[in-house]
Protein backbone atom coordinates (compact mmCIF):
# COMPACT_ATOMS: atom_id res chain seq x y z
CA MET A 1 -11.16 -1.43 3.72
CA THR A 2 -9.26 -1.07 -0.25
CA LEU A 3 -6.09 -2.77 -1.10
CA VAL A 4 -4.38 0.55 -0.93
CA GLU A 5 -5.06 1.01 2.72
CA PHE A 6 -4.45 -2.40 3.66
CA ILE A 7 -0.75 -2.41 2.38
CA ALA A 8 -0.28 1.40 4.00
CA PRO A 9 1.59 0.29 6.45
CA LEU A 10 3.88 -2.12 5.06
CA ARG A 11 5.30 0.75 2.68
CA ASN A 12 9.28 0.37 3.89
CA ALA A 13 8.19 -3.76 4.78
CA SER A 14 10.29 -6.16 2.62
CA GLN A 15 8.95 -7.24 -0.95
CA GLN A 16 8.26 -10.60 0.60
CA ALA A 17 5.59 -8.91 3.34
CA LYS A 18 3.70 -6.95 0.48
CA CYS A 19 3.30 -10.18 -1.09
CA LEU A 20 2.14 -12.48 1.39
CA ALA A 21 -0.69 -8.86 2.47
CA ILE A 22 -2.14 -9.18 -1.35
CA LEU A 23 -2.54 -12.78 -0.47
CA TYR A 24 -4.11 -12.11 2.63
CA TYR A 25 -5.60 -9.62 1.69
CA GLN A 26 -7.73 -11.44 -1.31
CA HIS A 27 -8.09 -14.22 0.83
CA ARG A 28 -9.67 -12.31 3.95
CA TYR A 29 -11.79 -9.86 1.86
CA ALA A 30 -12.13 -11.35 -1.68
CA ASN A 31 -12.63 -14.63 -1.05
CA ILE A 32 -9.87 -15.70 -3.32
CA ASP A 33 -8.12 -18.47 -2.06
CA ALA A 34 -4.97 -19.21 -4.73
CA LEU A 35 -3.31 -16.14 -6.98
CA THR A 36 -1.03 -16.30 -10.44
CA VAL A 37 2.07 -14.32 -10.24
CA GLU A 38 0.67 -12.02 -13.11
CA GLN A 39 -2.44 -11.80 -10.89
CA ILE A 40 -0.25 -10.85 -7.67
CA ARG A 41 2.00 -8.50 -9.96
CA LEU A 42 -1.34 -6.79 -11.12
CA CYS A 43 -2.40 -6.53 -7.40
CA LEU A 44 0.59 -4.26 -7.05
CA LYS A 45 -0.01 -1.92 -9.28
CA SER A 46 -3.32 -1.58 -8.30
CA ALA A 47 -2.08 -1.06 -4.00
CA ARG A 48 0.08 1.71 -6.05
CA VAL A 49 3.53 0.49 -4.25
CA PRO A 50 6.71 2.00 -5.08
CA ARG A 51 8.67 0.77 -7.54
CA TRP A 52 5.95 -2.84 -7.86
CA ARG A 53 7.47 -3.32 -11.33
CA LYS A 54 10.58 -4.19 -10.24
CA VAL A 55 9.02 -6.51 -7.77
CA ASN A 56 10.54 -10.53 -8.98
CA VAL A 57 7.32 -12.17 -7.37
CA ALA A 58 8.04 -15.51 -8.71
CA ASP A 59 11.40 -15.45 -6.29
CA VAL A 60 9.62 -13.84 -3.46
CA LEU A 61 7.16 -16.54 -3.30
CA ALA A 62 9.77 -19.54 -4.20
CA LYS A 63 12.06 -17.72 -1.20
CA ALA A 64 8.81 -17.21 1.14
CA ALA A 65 9.44 -20.96 1.92
CA HIS A 66 6.55 -22.27 4.64
CA PHE A 67 4.74 -19.54 4.73
CA VAL A 68 2.88 -20.07 0.80
CA ASP A 69 2.41 -23.30 -1.30
CA SER A 70 0.94 -23.49 -4.56
CA ALA A 71 -2.45 -24.79 -4.78
CA GLY A 72 -2.22 -26.40 -8.49
CA THR A 73 -2.31 -24.61 -11.80
CA LYS A 74 -4.24 -22.06 -13.44
CA GLY A 75 -3.92 -22.50 -17.36
CA ASN A 76 0.21 -23.03 -17.75
CA ARG A 77 0.36 -20.99 -14.45
CA LEU A 78 1.26 -22.32 -11.12
CA LEU A 79 -1.41 -20.71 -8.88
CA TRP A 80 -0.27 -19.73 -4.78
CA LYS A 81 -1.98 -19.61 -1.36
CA LEU A 82 -1.01 -18.86 2.40
CA THR A 83 -0.22 -21.76 4.42
CA ASP A 84 -1.68 -21.78 7.95
CA SER A 85 1.65 -20.58 8.99
CA GLY A 86 1.68 -17.33 6.33
CA GLU A 87 -0.91 -16.68 7.51
CA ARG A 88 0.46 -16.11 11.32
CA GLU A 89 2.33 -14.12 9.75
């Protein structure tokens, strides 16, 4: 399954749902546990999410409360990963 196919049913979903779906997809299908904000933004673009440039990914993740957690850093950028409740969501 491609990222475009995975995100397509979430066309009318919230920005948070789309960001969580990208984290889930990368964890489940690409075996990538944590992503930077920049990597999530590139995934939104490659998934052809409408208005992906207007998504403030850092703010969305900061407000995602118990669904995501910082997994450390990559250079000077935070890495974000899903928590168990984020995977269930």
